[in-house]
Amino acid sequence: MKNTYEYEDGFGTELTMKASNANILMSARDIVSGDVVVTQLSLSEVDRLVEFLQSATQHVKDD
């Protein structure tokens, strides 16, 4: 099973995340320069990242 999440920020950056049963492959691409950065995260690393983001944003309010 693979799920894909794609995001474009409107300023020239695209983010793609492809999740499988074992890991997540994440790539960021600068549309203007063509530069690409790719990293692979284990599911345990993703869990830690989610915990960090929830903790870091728990008091943030959307405008």
N, C-alpha and C. Protein backbone atom coordinates (compact mmCIF):
# COMPACT_ATOMS: atom_id res chain seq x y z
N MET A 1 0.83 -1.18 0.00
CA MET A 1 0.00 0.00 0.00
C MET A 1 0.88 1.24 0.00
N LYS A 2 0.59 2.18 -0.90
CA LYS A 2 1.30 3.45 -0.92
C LYS A 2 0.29 4.58 -0.95
N ASN A 3 0.55 5.58 -0.13
CA ASN A 3 -0.23 6.80 -0.13
C ASN A 3 0.70 7.93 -0.52
N THR A 4 0.18 8.91 -1.25
CA THR A 4 0.99 10.03 -1.69
C THR A 4 0.36 11.33 -1.23
N TYR A 5 1.22 12.24 -0.72
CA TYR A 5 0.80 13.58 -0.34
C TYR A 5 1.66 14.56 -1.13
N GLU A 6 1.02 15.52 -1.79
CA GLU A 6 1.75 16.52 -2.55
C GLU A 6 1.34 17.91 -2.08
N TYR A 7 2.32 18.81 -2.00
CA TYR A 7 2.08 20.17 -1.54
C TYR A 7 2.92 21.13 -2.37
N GLU A 8 2.33 22.23 -2.78
CA GLU A 8 3.06 23.29 -3.47
C GLU A 8 2.79 24.59 -2.72
N ASP A 9 3.86 25.30 -2.36
CA ASP A 9 3.69 26.48 -1.51
C ASP A 9 3.35 27.76 -2.27
N GLY A 10 3.35 27.74 -3.60
CA GLY A 10 3.03 28.93 -4.36
C GLY A 10 4.22 29.84 -4.59
N PHE A 11 5.37 29.50 -4.04
CA PHE A 11 6.58 30.29 -4.20
C PHE A 11 7.69 29.51 -4.89
N GLY A 12 7.37 28.38 -5.50
CA GLY A 12 8.36 27.63 -6.26
C GLY A 12 8.88 26.38 -5.61
N THR A 13 8.25 25.92 -4.54
CA THR A 13 8.69 24.69 -3.89
C THR A 13 7.56 23.66 -3.90
N GLU A 14 7.91 22.45 -4.28
CA GLU A 14 6.98 21.32 -4.25
C GLU A 14 7.49 20.29 -3.25
N LEU A 15 6.59 19.74 -2.46
CA LEU A 15 6.92 18.69 -1.51
C LEU A 15 6.07 17.48 -1.84
N THR A 16 6.71 16.33 -1.95
CA THR A 16 6.00 15.08 -2.21
C THR A 16 6.41 14.06 -1.16
N MET A 17 5.43 13.40 -0.57
CA MET A 17 5.70 12.35 0.41
C MET A 17 4.96 11.10 -0.05
N LYS A 18 5.69 9.99 -0.13
CA LYS A 18 5.11 8.70 -0.51
C LYS A 18 5.30 7.74 0.65
N ALA A 19 4.19 7.29 1.22
CA ALA A 19 4.23 6.42 2.39
C ALA A 19 3.94 4.98 1.98
N SER A 20 4.77 4.08 2.46
CA SER A 20 4.54 2.65 2.28
C SER A 20 4.35 2.04 3.67
N ASN A 21 4.26 0.73 3.75
CA ASN A 21 4.10 0.07 5.05
C ASN A 21 5.35 0.15 5.90
N ALA A 22 6.50 0.48 5.31
CA ALA A 22 7.77 0.45 6.04
C ALA A 22 8.41 1.81 6.24
N ASN A 23 8.16 2.77 5.33
CA ASN A 23 8.84 4.05 5.44
C ASN A 23 8.12 5.13 4.65
N ILE A 24 8.67 6.33 4.72
CA ILE A 24 8.16 7.44 3.94
C ILE A 24 9.32 8.03 3.14
N LEU A 25 9.10 8.19 1.85
CA LEU A 25 10.07 8.82 0.97
C LEU A 25 9.60 10.25 0.75
N MET A 26 10.43 11.21 1.12
CA MET A 26 10.06 12.62 1.03
C MET A 26 11.01 13.32 0.08
N SER A 27 10.46 14.09 -0.86
CA SER A 27 11.29 14.87 -1.76
C SER A 27 10.78 16.30 -1.82
N ALA A 28 11.72 17.23 -1.84
CA ALA A 28 11.41 18.65 -1.99
C ALA A 28 12.10 19.13 -3.26
N ARG A 29 11.36 19.87 -4.09
CA ARG A 29 11.91 20.33 -5.36
C ARG A 29 11.69 21.81 -5.50
N ASP A 30 12.77 22.51 -5.86
CA ASP A 30 12.70 23.93 -6.19
C ASP A 30 12.36 24.01 -7.68
N ILE A 31 11.18 24.51 -8.00
CA ILE A 31 10.72 24.55 -9.38
C ILE A 31 11.59 25.46 -10.22
N VAL A 32 12.09 26.55 -9.65
CA VAL A 32 12.87 27.53 -10.40
C VAL A 32 14.25 26.98 -10.76
N SER A 33 14.99 26.47 -9.77
CA SER A 33 16.36 26.01 -10.02
C SER A 33 16.42 24.55 -10.45
N GLY A 34 15.38 23.79 -10.13
CA GLY A 34 15.38 22.37 -10.44
C GLY A 34 16.06 21.51 -9.39
N ASP A 35 16.56 22.13 -8.31
CA ASP A 35 17.20 21.37 -7.24
C ASP A 35 16.20 20.44 -6.56
N VAL A 36 16.66 19.25 -6.20
CA VAL A 36 15.81 18.27 -5.54
C VAL A 36 16.55 17.69 -4.34
N VAL A 37 15.86 17.58 -3.22
CA VAL A 37 16.40 16.93 -2.02
C VAL A 37 15.46 15.78 -1.69
N VAL A 38 16.03 14.59 -1.48
CA VAL A 38 15.24 13.40 -1.19
C VAL A 38 15.75 12.77 0.10
N THR A 39 14.83 12.37 0.97
CA THR A 39 15.20 11.67 2.19
C THR A 39 14.18 10.58 2.47
N GLN A 40 14.62 9.58 3.19
CA GLN A 40 13.74 8.47 3.56
C GLN A 40 13.66 8.41 5.07
N LEU A 41 12.45 8.32 5.60
CA LEU A 41 12.23 8.27 7.04
C LEU A 41 11.57 6.95 7.41
N SER A 42 12.05 6.33 8.47
CA SER A 42 11.38 5.14 8.99
C SER A 42 10.09 5.58 9.67
N LEU A 43 9.19 4.65 9.89
CA LEU A 43 7.93 5.00 10.54
C LEU A 43 8.14 5.48 11.96
N SER A 44 9.15 4.96 12.67
CA SER A 44 9.42 5.44 14.03
C SER A 44 9.94 6.88 13.98
N GLU A 45 10.73 7.22 12.97
CA GLU A 45 11.19 8.61 12.82
C GLU A 45 10.02 9.53 12.51
N VAL A 46 9.08 9.06 11.71
CA VAL A 46 7.89 9.85 11.40
C VAL A 46 7.06 10.08 12.66
N ASP A 47 6.91 9.06 13.50
CA ASP A 47 6.19 9.22 14.77
C ASP A 47 6.84 10.29 15.63
N ARG A 48 8.16 10.28 15.72
CA ARG A 48 8.87 11.30 16.51
C ARG A 48 8.70 12.69 15.90
N LEU A 49 8.71 12.78 14.58
CA LEU A 49 8.51 14.05 13.90
C LEU A 49 7.11 14.59 14.18
N VAL A 50 6.11 13.74 14.12
CA VAL A 50 4.73 14.15 14.39
C VAL A 50 4.60 14.65 15.83
N GLU A 51 5.19 13.94 16.78
CA GLU A 51 5.16 14.37 18.19
C GLU A 51 5.81 15.74 18.34
N PHE A 52 6.95 15.95 17.67
CA PHE A 52 7.63 17.24 17.74
C PHE A 52 6.75 18.35 17.18
N LEU A 53 6.15 18.12 16.01
CA LEU A 53 5.31 19.14 15.39
C LEU A 53 4.08 19.46 16.24
N GLN A 54 3.47 18.45 16.83
CA GLN A 54 2.32 18.69 17.70
C GLN A 54 2.73 19.51 18.92
N SER A 55 3.86 19.19 19.51
CA SER A 55 4.35 19.92 20.67
C SER A 55 4.71 21.36 20.30
N ALA A 56 5.37 21.53 19.18
CA ALA A 56 5.84 22.85 18.77
C ALA A 56 4.71 23.77 18.34
N THR A 57 3.58 23.20 17.93
CA THR A 57 2.49 24.03 17.41
C THR A 57 1.24 24.01 18.29
N GLN A 58 1.31 23.46 19.48
CA GLN A 58 0.10 23.34 20.29
C GLN A 58 -0.49 24.68 20.70
N HIS A 59 0.32 25.74 20.75
CA HIS A 59 -0.19 27.05 21.15
C HIS A 59 -0.30 28.02 19.98
N VAL A 60 -0.08 27.53 18.77
CA VAL A 60 -0.14 28.37 17.58
C VAL A 60 -1.59 28.50 17.13
N LYS A 61 -1.97 29.70 16.73
CA LYS A 61 -3.32 29.93 16.22
C LYS A 61 -3.23 30.36 14.77
N ASP A 62 -4.15 29.86 13.94
CA ASP A 62 -4.23 30.30 12.55
C ASP A 62 -4.81 31.70 12.50
N ASP A 63 -4.29 32.50 11.59
CA ASP A 63 -4.85 33.85 11.38
C ASP A 63 -5.89 33.82 10.29
